[in-house]
């Protein structure tokens, strides 16, 4: 079981760096409190948006 946890660590680190980068980006362009809140939500869910847009571009239904 310990081996499984070690294998997921690099994936978690990549997601964490992406989350921090997205937070910095969205919060730096926020012009009001509510756009900052939406930016935080976008930063948390960016992998879902990425996969959705990739599958849409590939024509998967």
PDB file of N, CA and C in Angstrom:
ATOM      1  N   UNK A   1       0.818  -1.188   0.000  1.00  0.00           N
ATOM      2  CA  UNK A   1       0.000   0.000   0.000  1.00  0.00           C
ATOM      3  C   UNK A   1       0.866   1.258   0.000  1.00  0.00           C
ATOM      4  N   UNK A   2       1.992   1.234   0.658  1.00  0.00           N
ATOM      5  CA  UNK A   2       2.878   2.396   0.674  1.00  0.00           C
ATOM      6  C   UNK A   2       3.392   2.725  -0.719  1.00  0.00           C
ATOM      7  N   UNK A   3       3.594   1.702  -1.555  1.00  0.00           N
ATOM      8  CA  UNK A   3       4.073   1.918  -2.909  1.00  0.00           C
ATOM      9  C   UNK A   3       3.059   2.721  -3.720  1.00  0.00           C
ATOM     10  N   UNK A   4       1.780   2.480  -3.512  1.00  0.00           N
ATOM     11  CA  UNK A   4       0.747   3.193  -4.243  1.00  0.00           C
ATOM     12  C   UNK A   4       0.735   4.675  -3.879  1.00  0.00           C
ATOM     13  N   UNK A   5       0.957   4.989  -2.641  1.00  0.00           N
ATOM     14  CA  UNK A   5       0.988   6.388  -2.202  1.00  0.00           C
ATOM     15  C   UNK A   5       2.192   7.094  -2.824  1.00  0.00           C
ATOM     16  N   UNK A   6       3.330   6.446  -2.879  1.00  0.00           N
ATOM     17  CA  UNK A   6       4.522   7.055  -3.445  1.00  0.00           C
ATOM     18  C   UNK A   6       4.350   7.323  -4.934  1.00  0.00           C
ATOM     19  N   UNK A   7       3.638   6.487  -5.654  1.00  0.00           N
ATOM     20  CA  UNK A   7       3.461   6.671  -7.079  1.00  0.00           C
ATOM     21  C   UNK A   7       2.551   7.859  -7.385  1.00  0.00           C
ATOM     22  N   UNK A   8       1.669   8.221  -6.491  1.00  0.00           N
ATOM     23  CA  UNK A   8       0.762   9.327  -6.728  1.00  0.00           C
ATOM     24  C   UNK A   8       1.359  10.666  -6.316  1.00  0.00           C
ATOM     25  N   UNK A   9       2.450  10.675  -5.615  1.00  0.00           N
ATOM     26  CA  UNK A   9       3.033  11.918  -5.122  1.00  0.00           C
ATOM     27  C   UNK A   9       3.427  12.872  -6.251  1.00  0.00           C
ATOM     28  N   UNK A  10       4.074  12.431  -7.332  1.00  0.00           N
ATOM     29  CA  UNK A  10       4.411  13.381  -8.403  1.00  0.00           C
ATOM     30  C   UNK A  10       3.169  13.987  -9.053  1.00  0.00           C
ATOM     31  N   UNK A  11       2.101  13.227  -9.198  1.00  0.00           N
ATOM     32  CA  UNK A  11       0.872  13.751  -9.784  1.00  0.00           C
ATOM     33  C   UNK A  11       0.269  14.820  -8.885  1.00  0.00           C
ATOM     34  N   UNK A  12       0.294  14.600  -7.598  1.00  0.00           N
ATOM     35  CA  UNK A  12      -0.230  15.591  -6.660  1.00  0.00           C
ATOM     36  C   UNK A  12       0.609  16.860  -6.685  1.00  0.00           C
ATOM     37  N   UNK A  13       1.913  16.723  -6.835  1.00  0.00           N
ATOM     38  CA  UNK A  13       2.784  17.895  -6.888  1.00  0.00           C
ATOM     39  C   UNK A  13       2.504  18.712  -8.145  1.00  0.00           C
ATOM     40  N   UNK A  14       2.295  18.047  -9.268  1.00  0.00           N
ATOM     41  CA  UNK A  14       1.994  18.757 -10.514  1.00  0.00           C
ATOM     42  C   UNK A  14       0.658  19.470 -10.401  1.00  0.00           C
ATOM     43  N   UNK A  15      -0.345  18.801  -9.851  1.00  0.00           N
ATOM     44  CA  UNK A  15      -1.643  19.449  -9.660  1.00  0.00           C
ATOM     45  C   UNK A  15      -1.512  20.637  -8.707  1.00  0.00           C
ATOM     46  N   UNK A  16      -0.747  20.481  -7.652  1.00  0.00           N
ATOM     47  CA  UNK A  16      -0.558  21.560  -6.688  1.00  0.00           C
ATOM     48  C   UNK A  16       0.121  22.775  -7.309  1.00  0.00           C
ATOM     49  N   UNK A  17       1.144  22.544  -8.131  1.00  0.00           N
ATOM     50  CA  UNK A  17       1.805  23.660  -8.803  1.00  0.00           C
ATOM     51  C   UNK A  17       0.857  24.329  -9.792  1.00  0.00           C
ATOM     52  N   UNK A  18       0.058  23.543 -10.479  1.00  0.00           N
ATOM     53  CA  UNK A  18      -0.923  24.109 -11.396  1.00  0.00           C
ATOM     54  C   UNK A  18      -1.969  24.923 -10.659  1.00  0.00           C
ATOM     55  N   UNK A  19      -2.394  24.437  -9.523  1.00  0.00           N
ATOM     56  CA  UNK A  19      -3.379  25.155  -8.702  1.00  0.00           C
ATOM     57  C   UNK A  19      -2.815  26.502  -8.236  1.00  0.00           C
ATOM     58  N   UNK A  20      -1.595  26.491  -7.749  1.00  0.00           N
ATOM     59  CA  UNK A  20      -0.976  27.738  -7.288  1.00  0.00           C
ATOM     60  C   UNK A  20      -0.790  28.707  -8.450  1.00  0.00           C
ATOM     61  N   UNK A  21      -0.328  28.201  -9.577  1.00  0.00           N
ATOM     62  CA  UNK A  21      -0.154  29.065 -10.744  1.00  0.00           C
ATOM     63  C   UNK A  21      -1.467  29.656 -11.221  1.00  0.00           C
ATOM     64  N   UNK A  22      -2.528  28.838 -11.247  1.00  0.00           N
ATOM     65  CA  UNK A  22      -3.835  29.330 -11.664  1.00  0.00           C
ATOM     66  C   UNK A  22      -4.373  30.349 -10.666  1.00  0.00           C
ATOM     67  N   UNK A  23      -4.164  30.116  -9.374  1.00  0.00           N
ATOM     68  CA  UNK A  23      -4.601  31.086  -8.364  1.00  0.00           C
ATOM     69  C   UNK A  23      -3.898  32.429  -8.549  1.00  0.00           C
ATOM     70  N   UNK A  24      -2.601  32.384  -8.758  1.00  0.00           N
ATOM     71  CA  UNK A  24      -1.851  33.624  -8.954  1.00  0.00           C
ATOM     72  C   UNK A  24      -2.361  34.347 -10.195  1.00  0.00           C
ATOM     73  N   UNK A  25      -2.573  33.613 -11.276  1.00  0.00           N
ATOM     74  CA  UNK A  25      -3.038  34.240 -12.512  1.00  0.00           C
ATOM     75  C   UNK A  25      -4.423  34.853 -12.338  1.00  0.00           C
ATOM     76  N   UNK A  26      -5.388  34.057 -11.886  1.00  0.00           N
ATOM     77  CA  UNK A  26      -6.759  34.547 -11.791  1.00  0.00           C
ATOM     78  C   UNK A  26      -6.904  35.668 -10.764  1.00  0.00           C
ATOM     79  N   UNK A  27      -6.186  35.587  -9.672  1.00  0.00           N
ATOM     80  CA  UNK A  27      -6.284  36.650  -8.672  1.00  0.00           C
ATOM     81  C   UNK A  27      -5.568  37.924  -9.114  1.00  0.00           C
ATOM     82  N   UNK A  28      -4.543  37.781  -9.948  1.00  0.00           N
ATOM     83  CA  UNK A  28      -3.844  38.982 -10.416  1.00  0.00           C
ATOM     84  C   UNK A  28      -4.664  39.760 -11.438  1.00  0.00           C
ATOM     85  N   UNK A  29      -5.567  39.083 -12.159  1.00  0.00           N
ATOM     86  CA  UNK A  29      -6.384  39.792 -13.149  1.00  0.00           C
ATOM     87  C   UNK A  29      -7.766  40.150 -12.611  1.00  0.00           C
ATOM     88  N   UNK A  30      -8.054  39.773 -11.372  1.00  0.00           N
ATOM     89  CA  UNK A  30      -9.360  40.072 -10.782  1.00  0.00           C
ATOM     90  C   UNK A  30      -9.497  41.567 -10.552  1.00  0.00           C
ATOM     91  N   UNK A  31     -10.647  42.102 -10.953  1.00  0.00           N
ATOM     92  CA  UNK A  31     -10.887  43.534 -10.788  1.00  0.00           C
ATOM     93  C   UNK A  31     -11.844  43.834  -9.642  1.00  0.00           C
ATOM     94  N   UNK A  32     -12.461  42.791  -9.087  1.00  0.00           N
ATOM     95  CA  UNK A  32     -13.357  42.982  -7.948  1.00  0.00           C
ATOM     96  C   UNK A  32     -13.309  41.737  -7.079  1.00  0.00           C
ATOM     97  N   UNK A  33     -13.987  41.825  -5.950  1.00  0.00           N
ATOM     98  CA  UNK A  33     -14.021  40.693  -5.028  1.00  0.00           C
ATOM     99  C   UNK A  33     -14.636  39.463  -5.685  1.00  0.00           C
ATOM    100  N   UNK A  34     -15.742  39.656  -6.387  1.00  0.00           N
ATOM    101  CA  UNK A  34     -16.457  38.512  -6.966  1.00  0.00           C
ATOM    102  C   UNK A  34     -15.703  37.886  -8.129  1.00  0.00           C
ATOM    103  N   UNK A  35     -14.970  38.662  -8.897  1.00  0.00           N
ATOM    104  CA  UNK A  35     -14.142  38.044  -9.938  1.00  0.00           C
ATOM    105  C   UNK A  35     -12.994  37.262  -9.297  1.00  0.00           C
ATOM    106  N   UNK A  36     -12.548  37.693  -8.118  1.00  0.00           N
ATOM    107  CA  UNK A  36     -11.554  36.922  -7.375  1.00  0.00           C
ATOM    108  C   UNK A  36     -12.112  35.601  -6.888  1.00  0.00           C
ATOM    109  N   UNK A  37     -13.363  35.613  -6.419  1.00  0.00           N
ATOM    110  CA  UNK A  37     -14.011  34.376  -5.972  1.00  0.00           C
ATOM    111  C   UNK A  37     -14.171  33.411  -7.152  1.00  0.00           C
ATOM    112  N   UNK A  38     -14.624  33.928  -8.281  1.00  0.00           N
ATOM    113  CA  UNK A  38     -14.762  33.089  -9.484  1.00  0.00           C
ATOM    114  C   UNK A  38     -13.389  32.568  -9.912  1.00  0.00           C
ATOM    115  N   UNK A  39     -12.364  33.399  -9.774  1.00  0.00           N
ATOM    116  CA  UNK A  39     -11.007  32.972 -10.103  1.00  0.00           C
ATOM    117  C   UNK A  39     -10.527  31.818  -9.237  1.00  0.00           C
ATOM    118  N   UNK A  40     -10.856  31.855  -7.960  1.00  0.00           N
ATOM    119  CA  UNK A  40     -10.484  30.753  -7.062  1.00  0.00           C
ATOM    120  C   UNK A  40     -11.196  29.473  -7.489  1.00  0.00           C
ATOM    121  N   UNK A  41     -12.471  29.580  -7.808  1.00  0.00           N
ATOM    122  CA  UNK A  41     -13.210  28.396  -8.268  1.00  0.00           C
ATOM    123  C   UNK A  41     -12.631  27.853  -9.578  1.00  0.00           C
ATOM    124  N   UNK A  42     -12.290  28.741 -10.500  1.00  0.00           N
ATOM    125  CA  UNK A  42     -11.676  28.306 -11.755  1.00  0.00           C
ATOM    126  C   UNK A  42     -10.340  27.625 -11.495  1.00  0.00           C
ATOM    127  N   UNK A  43      -9.563  28.149 -10.554  1.00  0.00           N
ATOM    128  CA  UNK A  43      -8.262  27.560 -10.249  1.00  0.00           C
ATOM    129  C   UNK A  43      -8.404  26.155  -9.687  1.00  0.00           C
ATOM    130  N   UNK A  44      -9.447  25.917  -8.912  1.00  0.00           N
ATOM    131  CA  UNK A  44      -9.652  24.592  -8.323  1.00  0.00           C
ATOM    132  C   UNK A  44     -10.108  23.586  -9.392  1.00  0.00           C
ATOM    133  N   UNK A  45     -10.940  24.046 -10.307  1.00  0.00           N
ATOM    134  CA  UNK A  45     -11.527  23.125 -11.278  1.00  0.00           C
ATOM    135  C   UNK A  45     -10.882  23.184 -12.655  1.00  0.00           C
ATOM    136  N   UNK A  46      -9.703  23.789 -12.802  1.00  0.00           N
ATOM    137  CA  UNK A  46      -9.087  23.927 -14.107  1.00  0.00           C
ATOM    138  C   UNK A  46      -8.798  22.590 -14.802  1.00  0.00           C
ATOM    139  N   UNK A  47      -8.470  21.504 -14.105  1.00  0.00           N
ATOM    140  CA  UNK A  47      -8.235  20.257 -14.845  1.00  0.00           C
ATOM    141  C   UNK A  47      -9.500  19.762 -15.560  1.00  0.00           C
ATOM    142  N   UNK A  48     -10.642  19.957 -14.947  1.00  0.00           N
ATOM    143  CA  UNK A  48     -11.897  19.554 -15.594  1.00  0.00           C
ATOM    144  C   UNK A  48     -12.167  20.366 -16.847  1.00  0.00           C
ATOM    145  N   UNK A  49     -11.916  21.678 -16.770  1.00  0.00           N
ATOM    146  CA  UNK A  49     -12.080  22.527 -17.953  1.00  0.00           C
ATOM    147  C   UNK A  49     -11.116  22.107 -19.049  1.00  0.00           C
ATOM    148  N   UNK A  50      -9.885  21.794 -18.676  1.00  0.00           N
ATOM    149  CA  UNK A  50      -8.868  21.400 -19.642  1.00  0.00           C
ATOM    150  C   UNK A  50      -9.265  20.123 -20.374  1.00  0.00           C
ATOM    151  N   UNK A  51      -9.697  19.117 -19.638  1.00  0.00           N
ATOM    152  CA  UNK A  51     -10.097  17.844 -20.248  1.00  0.00           C
ATOM    153  C   UNK A  51     -11.331  18.038 -21.124  1.00  0.00           C
ATOM    154  N   UNK A  52     -12.291  18.813 -20.652  1.00  0.00           N
ATOM    155  CA  UNK A  52     -13.507  19.068 -21.430  1.00  0.00           C
ATOM    156  C   UNK A  52     -13.175  19.733 -22.766  1.00  0.00           C
ATOM    157  N   UNK A  53     -12.350  20.772 -22.725  1.00  0.00           N
ATOM    158  CA  UNK A  53     -11.994  21.477 -23.960  1.00  0.00           C
ATOM    159  C   UNK A  53     -11.156  20.594 -24.882  1.00  0.00           C
ATOM    160  N   UNK A  54     -10.272  19.769 -24.326  1.00  0.00           N
ATOM    161  CA  UNK A  54      -9.467  18.866 -25.142  1.00  0.00           C
ATOM    162  C   UNK A  54     -10.338  17.839 -25.845  1.00  0.00           C
ATOM    163  N   UNK A  55     -11.289  17.259 -25.119  1.00  0.00           N
ATOM    164  CA  UNK A  55     -12.173  16.276 -25.738  1.00  0.00           C
ATOM    165  C   UNK A  55     -13.096  16.936 -26.771  1.00  0.00           C
ATOM    166  N   UNK A  56     -13.516  18.144 -26.511  1.00  0.00           N
ATOM    167  CA  UNK A  56     -14.356  18.861 -27.468  1.00  0.00           C
ATOM    168  C   UNK A  56     -13.554  19.147 -28.739  1.00  0.00           C
ATOM    169  N   UNK A  57     -12.297  19.513 -28.604  1.00  0.00           N
ATOM    170  CA  UNK A  57     -11.450  19.797 -29.767  1.00  0.00           C
ATOM    171  C   UNK A  57     -11.154  18.536 -30.563  1.00  0.00           C
ATOM    172  N   UNK A  58     -11.088  17.408 -29.877  1.00  0.00           N
ATOM    173  CA  UNK A  58     -10.816  16.144 -30.565  1.00  0.00           C
ATOM    174  C   UNK A  58     -12.075  15.555 -31.205  1.00  0.00           C
ATOM    175  N   UNK A  59     -13.207  16.121 -30.908  1.00  0.00           N
ATOM    176  CA  UNK A  59     -14.455  15.648 -31.495  1.00  0.00           C
ATOM    177  C   UNK A  59     -15.061  14.455 -30.781  1.00  0.00           C
ATOM    178  N   UNK A  60     -14.632  14.196 -29.554  1.00  0.00           N
ATOM    179  CA  UNK A  60     -15.204  13.090 -28.784  1.00  0.00           C
ATOM    180  C   UNK A  60     -16.583  13.491 -28.310  1.00  0.00           C
ATOM    181  N   UNK A  61     -17.505  12.534 -28.351  1.00  0.00           N
ATOM    182  CA  UNK A  61     -18.862  12.870 -27.915  1.00  0.00           C
ATOM    183  C   UNK A  61     -19.264  12.135 -26.668  1.00  0.00           C
TER     184      UNK A  61
END
